[in-house]
């Protein structure tokens, strides 16, 4: 993207939102994000990559505006309306590219990825609160609709079958067999699941960097961490509502290792979700398959990325936990896992 300095970003916020303060740039993969700090509140100024259309951003903001009414007990980012009454504004860069800019409230706290490493904290409480938060979020989105909700999203789980050509590039024979089996199962059953199970617009990316734990977790007297926000709604799409839970579980399981820890983590998240937005027995019976499908998708997306960028060794290093987990879950007793999942009913 065209270089925009922090000072220029702050000037845009002052001009369009009449907010001034200090500014620093935040890490971002493709967009430009700036934290604006004021004595009253903190904000995130977001300049989207030119590849993101107005409609892509509008579904995010529309969902946040909807959730402000239906899910007020989560500290979700708030959409800040500009002085002109708009919440998405066009910006033409110096090289003539059309971008769009937004201002959201900054969500205070720490990311789940950091808090899950802190063994002095009650991890089961953290995991249960994660399920509660995702349950509240999905409940808040249950009647949300938008013209872009059926748009193509690269990370929609529906795209898993289209990645099957990448299986041949997986070097480990056992992993190739495992990914083939679970990908084919998903491909054979997805249409039936969509006909019989609840569908909804879902967040679709509750990874451990998009889940925010309440700021008071850094208080030494507080050992009861609580998830209080989910951020980054850029991968929203319409699918089975239980897919959101499956994705959440996949990322949370990156922080546990032993079989007993895996079972306890899944059960804690599932119980938390069930307390807010009860799942049906039919949904719970496909949870394992959806967890495995998401793991397959992660492996195949990384395989494709590495094939296109073979000098980027980090792509495969970041997959270590995913590959460990899919092997571990595949080796566990399926009937025992199903019995465990169904125990929340």
Protein backbone atom coordinates (compact mmCIF):
# COMPACT_ATOMS: atom_id res chain seq x y z
CA UNK A 1 0.00 0.00 0.00
CA UNK A 2 0.96 3.61 -0.49
CA UNK A 3 2.95 4.87 2.51
CA UNK A 4 0.91 7.02 4.88
CA UNK A 5 2.77 8.41 7.86
CA UNK A 6 1.32 8.36 11.38
CA UNK A 7 1.13 12.15 11.25
CA UNK A 8 -0.93 11.98 8.05
CA UNK A 9 -3.18 9.36 9.62
CA UNK A 10 -3.80 11.56 12.65
CA UNK A 11 -4.57 14.52 10.38
CA UNK A 12 -7.24 12.45 8.59
CA UNK A 13 -8.82 11.49 11.91
CA UNK A 14 -8.81 15.11 13.05
CA UNK A 15 -10.38 16.23 9.79
CA UNK A 16 -13.13 13.65 9.49
CA UNK A 17 -13.86 12.63 13.10
CA UNK A 18 -12.66 15.74 14.93
CA UNK A 19 -10.61 13.63 17.30
CA UNK A 20 -7.02 14.46 18.15
CA UNK A 21 -4.41 12.79 20.29
CA UNK A 22 -1.23 10.77 19.96
CA UNK A 23 -0.74 8.18 17.23
CA UNK A 24 1.29 5.04 16.65
CA UNK A 25 1.09 2.45 13.88
CA UNK A 26 -0.06 -1.08 14.72
CA UNK A 27 1.15 -4.27 13.01
CA UNK A 28 -1.05 -5.34 10.11
CA UNK A 29 -0.70 -7.85 7.29
CA UNK A 30 -2.26 -5.96 4.39
CA UNK A 31 -3.98 -2.85 5.80
CA UNK A 32 -2.70 0.20 7.67
CA UNK A 33 -3.87 0.43 11.27
CA UNK A 34 -3.09 3.25 13.70
CA UNK A 35 -3.89 3.53 17.40
CA UNK A 36 -5.16 6.98 18.33
CA UNK A 37 -4.87 7.75 22.05
CA UNK A 38 -6.80 10.58 23.70
CA UNK A 39 -7.44 11.45 27.36
CA UNK A 40 -11.05 10.31 26.94
CA UNK A 41 -10.73 7.12 24.86
CA UNK A 42 -8.56 5.17 22.44
CA UNK A 43 -9.36 4.33 18.82
CA UNK A 44 -8.12 2.32 15.85
CA UNK A 45 -7.93 4.17 12.55
CA UNK A 46 -8.08 1.64 9.74
CA UNK A 47 -7.10 2.26 6.12
CA UNK A 48 -8.11 -0.81 4.13
CA UNK A 49 -6.04 -2.35 1.39
CA UNK A 50 -7.35 -1.28 -2.05
CA UNK A 51 -8.36 -4.90 -2.66
CA UNK A 52 -11.08 -4.54 -0.03
CA UNK A 53 -14.28 -3.18 -1.52
CA UNK A 54 -16.76 -0.91 0.21
CA UNK A 55 -19.13 -3.89 0.53
CA UNK A 56 -16.43 -5.96 2.28
CA UNK A 57 -16.03 -3.26 4.91
CA UNK A 58 -19.71 -2.49 5.15
CA UNK A 59 -20.60 -6.02 6.28
CA UNK A 60 -18.04 -5.65 9.09
CA UNK A 61 -19.38 -2.30 10.26
CA UNK A 62 -23.00 -3.38 9.81
CA UNK A 63 -22.34 -6.44 11.97
CA UNK A 64 -20.71 -4.33 14.69
CA UNK A 65 -23.59 -1.85 14.64
CA UNK A 66 -26.03 -4.77 14.87
CA UNK A 67 -24.09 -6.38 17.72
CA UNK A 68 -24.04 -3.10 19.64
CA UNK A 69 -27.78 -3.69 20.09
CA UNK A 70 -27.89 -7.50 20.39
CA UNK A 71 -24.64 -8.24 22.23
CA UNK A 72 -23.96 -5.23 24.43
CA UNK A 73 -22.31 -7.25 27.21
CA UNK A 74 -19.24 -7.96 25.05
CA UNK A 75 -16.69 -5.16 24.67
CA UNK A 76 -16.73 -5.29 20.87
CA UNK A 77 -15.22 -2.51 18.74
CA UNK A 78 -17.65 0.38 18.31
CA UNK A 79 -18.11 2.02 14.93
CA UNK A 80 -17.35 5.74 15.07
CA UNK A 81 -19.44 7.86 12.72
CA UNK A 82 -17.59 10.68 10.99
CA UNK A 83 -18.50 14.37 11.20
CA UNK A 84 -20.26 13.98 7.84
CA UNK A 85 -22.42 11.14 9.17
CA UNK A 86 -20.60 8.32 7.36
CA UNK A 87 -18.85 5.34 8.93
CA UNK A 88 -16.77 4.41 5.85
CA UNK A 89 -14.99 7.14 3.93
CA UNK A 90 -13.14 6.99 0.59
CA UNK A 91 -9.46 7.88 0.40
CA UNK A 92 -7.50 8.29 -2.81
CA UNK A 93 -3.80 7.67 -2.22
CA UNK A 94 -0.95 9.63 -3.79
CA UNK A 95 -0.58 6.96 -6.48
CA UNK A 96 -4.26 7.16 -7.41
CA UNK A 97 -5.55 4.04 -5.63
CA UNK A 98 -8.98 4.13 -3.99
CA UNK A 99 -8.98 2.95 -0.38
CA UNK A 100 -11.53 3.22 2.39
CA UNK A 101 -10.99 4.38 5.95
CA UNK A 102 -12.82 3.71 9.20
CA UNK A 103 -12.50 4.56 12.87
CA UNK A 104 -13.33 2.03 15.58
CA UNK A 105 -13.01 2.13 19.34
CA UNK A 106 -9.88 0.38 20.64
CA UNK A 107 -10.59 -2.75 22.69
CA UNK A 108 -8.40 -2.85 25.79
CA UNK A 109 -7.01 -6.12 27.11
CA UNK A 110 -4.58 -8.87 26.18
CA UNK A 111 -4.83 -11.41 23.38
CA UNK A 112 -5.82 -15.00 24.18
CA UNK A 113 -2.51 -16.26 22.74
CA UNK A 114 -0.63 -14.51 25.54
CA UNK A 115 -2.99 -15.30 28.40
CA UNK A 116 -3.21 -19.01 27.51
CA UNK A 117 0.53 -19.32 28.22
CA UNK A 118 0.17 -18.09 31.79
CA UNK A 119 -0.17 -21.26 33.83
CA UNK A 120 -0.64 -19.33 37.08
CA UNK A 121 -4.08 -18.36 35.76
CA UNK A 122 -7.14 -20.59 35.82
CA UNK A 123 -7.07 -21.89 32.26
CA UNK A 124 -10.36 -23.77 32.51
CA UNK A 125 -12.09 -20.54 33.49
CA UNK A 126 -10.44 -18.86 30.51
CA UNK A 127 -11.59 -21.62 28.15
CA UNK A 128 -15.15 -21.56 29.48
CA UNK A 129 -15.29 -17.78 29.09
CA UNK A 130 -14.13 -18.20 25.49
CA UNK A 131 -17.09 -20.46 24.79
CA UNK A 132 -19.41 -18.01 26.54
CA UNK A 133 -18.12 -15.11 24.43
CA UNK A 134 -18.48 -16.98 21.12
CA UNK A 135 -21.93 -18.16 22.15
CA UNK A 136 -22.99 -14.59 22.91
CA UNK A 137 -21.50 -13.40 19.62
CA UNK A 138 -23.25 -16.03 17.53
CA UNK A 139 -26.53 -15.47 19.37
CA UNK A 140 -26.20 -11.77 18.61
CA UNK A 141 -25.65 -12.52 14.92
CA UNK A 142 -28.46 -15.05 14.54
CA UNK A 143 -30.82 -12.64 12.74
CA UNK A 144 -28.13 -10.54 11.03
CA UNK A 145 -28.28 -10.34 7.25
CA UNK A 146 -26.31 -8.35 4.70
CA UNK A 147 -26.10 -8.27 0.89
CA UNK A 148 -22.47 -9.44 1.13
CA UNK A 149 -23.03 -12.34 3.49
CA UNK A 150 -22.70 -14.92 0.69
CA UNK A 151 -19.64 -13.31 -0.91
CA UNK A 152 -16.48 -15.32 -1.58
CA UNK A 153 -14.23 -15.52 1.47
CA UNK A 154 -10.94 -17.35 1.07
CA UNK A 155 -11.16 -18.85 4.55
CA UNK A 156 -14.73 -20.08 4.27
CA UNK A 157 -14.68 -23.76 5.17
CA UNK A 158 -16.76 -24.40 2.05
CA UNK A 159 -13.55 -23.89 0.06
CA UNK A 160 -11.87 -26.93 1.61
CA UNK A 161 -12.75 -29.36 -1.23
CA UNK A 162 -11.24 -26.97 -3.78
CA UNK A 163 -7.89 -27.30 -1.98
CA UNK A 164 -7.61 -31.06 -2.51
CA UNK A 165 -4.99 -30.65 -5.25
CA UNK A 166 -2.62 -29.37 -2.55
CA UNK A 167 -2.68 -32.72 -0.71
CA UNK A 168 -0.10 -34.13 -3.15
CA UNK A 169 2.41 -31.55 -1.89
CA UNK A 170 2.24 -32.74 1.73
CA UNK A 171 5.52 -34.59 2.29
CA UNK A 172 4.53 -36.83 5.21
CA UNK A 173 2.64 -39.90 4.00
CA UNK A 174 0.60 -40.33 7.18
CA UNK A 175 -0.49 -36.69 7.09
CA UNK A 176 -1.48 -36.95 3.42
CA UNK A 177 -3.70 -39.93 4.21
CA UNK A 178 -5.23 -38.21 7.22
CA UNK A 179 -5.98 -34.95 5.40
CA UNK A 180 -7.38 -36.82 2.40
CA UNK A 181 -9.76 -38.83 4.57
CA UNK A 182 -11.14 -35.93 6.57
CA UNK A 183 -11.33 -33.56 3.58
CA UNK A 184 -13.27 -36.13 1.57
CA UNK A 185 -15.64 -36.73 4.48
CA UNK A 186 -16.39 -33.02 4.68
CA UNK A 187 -16.88 -32.76 0.91
CA UNK A 188 -19.34 -35.66 0.97
CA UNK A 189 -21.44 -34.35 3.86
CA UNK A 190 -21.36 -30.53 3.71
CA UNK A 191 -24.42 -30.18 1.46
CA UNK A 192 -26.50 -32.43 3.71
CA UNK A 193 -25.40 -30.55 6.82
CA UNK A 194 -26.36 -27.24 5.23
CA UNK A 195 -29.84 -28.56 4.51
CA UNK A 196 -30.47 -29.85 8.01
CA UNK A 197 -28.49 -27.71 10.48
CA UNK A 198 -28.86 -24.03 11.49
CA UNK A 199 -27.12 -21.54 9.21
CA UNK A 200 -26.07 -18.01 10.12
CA UNK A 201 -23.60 -15.26 9.40
CA UNK A 202 -20.56 -16.19 11.50
CA UNK A 203 -17.38 -14.40 12.59
CA UNK A 204 -15.30 -17.20 11.04
CA UNK A 205 -11.93 -16.23 12.53
CA UNK A 206 -11.91 -16.43 16.33
CA UNK A 207 -8.20 -17.15 16.40
CA UNK A 208 -6.07 -16.59 19.48
CA UNK A 209 -4.98 -13.14 18.26
CA UNK A 210 -8.56 -11.97 17.63
CA UNK A 211 -9.85 -13.00 21.06
CA UNK A 212 -9.34 -10.33 23.75
CA UNK A 213 -9.16 -11.09 27.47
CA UNK A 214 -10.29 -8.41 29.93
CA UNK A 215 -7.55 -5.95 30.87
CA UNK A 216 -7.78 -6.73 34.59
CA UNK A 217 -6.09 -10.09 33.91
CA UNK A 218 -2.81 -8.23 34.51
CA UNK A 219 -3.88 -7.50 38.08
CA UNK A 220 -1.79 -9.87 40.21
CA UNK A 221 -4.75 -10.62 42.46
CA UNK A 222 -6.94 -11.77 39.57
CA UNK A 223 -6.45 -15.41 38.58
CA UNK A 224 -9.85 -15.73 36.87
CA UNK A 225 -9.23 -14.55 33.28
CA UNK A 226 -12.29 -13.69 31.20
CA UNK A 227 -12.68 -13.26 27.45
CA UNK A 228 -14.66 -10.08 26.87
CA UNK A 229 -14.24 -9.26 23.17
CA UNK A 230 -13.70 -10.62 19.68
CA UNK A 231 -12.14 -8.40 17.02
CA UNK A 232 -11.44 -8.49 13.26
CA UNK A 233 -14.66 -9.32 11.43
CA UNK A 234 -13.01 -9.36 8.00
CA UNK A 235 -13.65 -13.05 7.25
CA UNK A 236 -17.36 -13.05 8.05
CA UNK A 237 -19.46 -15.35 5.91
CA UNK A 238 -22.64 -17.39 6.03
CA UNK A 239 -22.30 -21.02 7.05
CA UNK A 240 -23.31 -23.50 9.74
CA UNK A 241 -23.38 -21.66 13.05
CA UNK A 242 -21.43 -24.50 14.70
CA UNK A 243 -18.51 -23.80 12.34
CA UNK A 244 -17.73 -20.73 14.48
CA UNK A 245 -17.40 -22.98 17.52
CA UNK A 246 -15.23 -25.49 15.63
CA UNK A 247 -12.86 -22.73 14.51
CA UNK A 248 -12.67 -21.35 18.05
CA UNK A 249 -11.79 -24.78 19.43
CA UNK A 250 -9.08 -25.37 16.81
CA UNK A 251 -7.19 -22.23 17.86
CA UNK A 252 -7.68 -22.76 21.59
CA UNK A 253 -6.29 -26.30 21.31
CA UNK A 254 -2.97 -24.88 20.09
CA UNK A 255 -2.26 -24.09 23.75
CA UNK A 256 -2.80 -27.55 25.27
CA UNK A 257 -0.88 -30.76 24.68
CA UNK A 258 -1.92 -33.84 26.64
CA UNK A 259 -5.01 -35.82 25.62
CA UNK A 260 -6.72 -35.03 28.91
CA UNK A 261 -6.03 -31.31 28.41
CA UNK A 262 -7.47 -31.50 24.90
CA UNK A 263 -10.67 -33.14 26.13
CA UNK A 264 -11.04 -30.71 29.04
CA UNK A 265 -10.44 -27.68 26.81
CA UNK A 266 -13.05 -28.74 24.27
CA UNK A 267 -15.55 -29.53 27.01
CA UNK A 268 -15.00 -26.18 28.77
CA UNK A 269 -15.51 -24.19 25.55
CA UNK A 270 -18.51 -26.28 24.57
CA UNK A 271 -20.15 -25.84 27.98
CA UNK A 272 -19.58 -22.10 27.84
CA UNK A 273 -21.11 -21.85 24.37
CA UNK A 274 -24.03 -24.09 25.34
CA UNK A 275 -24.85 -21.85 28.31
CA UNK A 276 -25.45 -18.90 25.96
CA UNK A 277 -26.68 -20.33 22.66
CA UNK A 278 -27.67 -24.00 23.02
CA UNK A 279 -26.71 -26.33 20.20
CA UNK A 280 -28.83 -29.24 19.05
CA UNK A 281 -27.73 -32.84 19.32
CA UNK A 282 -27.44 -33.01 15.53
CA UNK A 283 -25.04 -30.05 15.54
CA UNK A 284 -22.87 -31.47 18.31
CA UNK A 285 -22.62 -34.77 16.43
CA UNK A 286 -20.79 -33.03 13.54
CA UNK A 287 -18.50 -30.89 15.72
CA UNK A 288 -15.59 -33.35 15.55
CA UNK A 289 -15.78 -33.52 11.75
CA UNK A 290 -15.82 -29.72 11.48
CA UNK A 291 -12.82 -29.39 13.80
CA UNK A 292 -10.93 -31.84 11.59
CA UNK A 293 -12.08 -30.05 8.44
CA UNK A 294 -10.77 -26.71 9.72
CA UNK A 295 -7.44 -28.32 10.59
CA UNK A 296 -7.27 -29.76 7.06
CA UNK A 297 -8.05 -26.35 5.62
CA UNK A 298 -5.27 -24.76 7.67
CA UNK A 299 -2.77 -27.38 6.52
CA UNK A 300 -3.73 -27.10 2.86
CA UNK A 301 -3.76 -23.30 2.87
CA UNK A 302 -0.28 -23.34 4.40
CA UNK A 303 0.88 -25.96 1.90
CA UNK A 304 -0.27 -23.75 -0.95
CA UNK A 305 1.33 -20.67 0.57
CA UNK A 306 4.66 -22.46 1.04
CA UNK A 307 4.56 -23.85 -2.50
CA UNK A 308 4.17 -20.30 -3.77
CA UNK A 309 6.76 -18.87 -1.35
CA UNK A 310 9.29 -21.66 -0.66
CA UNK A 311 11.76 -19.27 0.95
CA UNK A 312 9.33 -18.49 3.77
CA UNK A 313 10.14 -21.21 6.30
CA UNK A 314 7.89 -19.56 8.90
CA UNK A 315 4.84 -20.86 7.03
CA UNK A 316 5.66 -24.45 7.96
CA UNK A 317 7.03 -23.60 11.41
CA UNK A 318 3.68 -22.02 12.28
CA UNK A 319 1.98 -25.27 11.25
CA UNK A 320 3.73 -27.41 13.85
CA UNK A 321 0.87 -27.18 16.34
CA UNK A 322 -1.80 -27.76 13.71
CA UNK A 323 -0.14 -30.92 12.41
CA UNK A 324 0.41 -32.23 15.92
CA UNK A 325 -3.21 -31.59 16.79
CA UNK A 326 -4.79 -33.25 13.76
CA UNK A 327 -2.73 -36.39 14.36
CA UNK A 328 -3.60 -36.33 18.06
CA UNK A 329 -7.35 -35.94 17.51
CA UNK A 330 -7.38 -38.59 14.79
CA UNK A 331 -5.74 -41.07 17.17
CA UNK A 332 -8.18 -40.43 20.01
CA UNK A 333 -11.21 -42.68 20.48
CA UNK A 334 -13.96 -41.15 18.33
CA UNK A 335 -16.86 -42.70 20.25
CA UNK A 336 -15.47 -41.47 23.56
CA UNK A 337 -15.11 -37.96 22.15
CA UNK A 338 -18.68 -38.00 20.86
CA UNK A 339 -19.93 -39.15 24.26
CA UNK A 340 -17.95 -36.33 25.88
CA UNK A 341 -19.34 -33.69 23.51
CA UNK A 342 -22.92 -34.90 23.94
CA UNK A 343 -22.61 -34.76 27.73
CA UNK A 344 -23.32 -31.01 27.60
CA UNK A 345 -26.93 -31.63 26.51
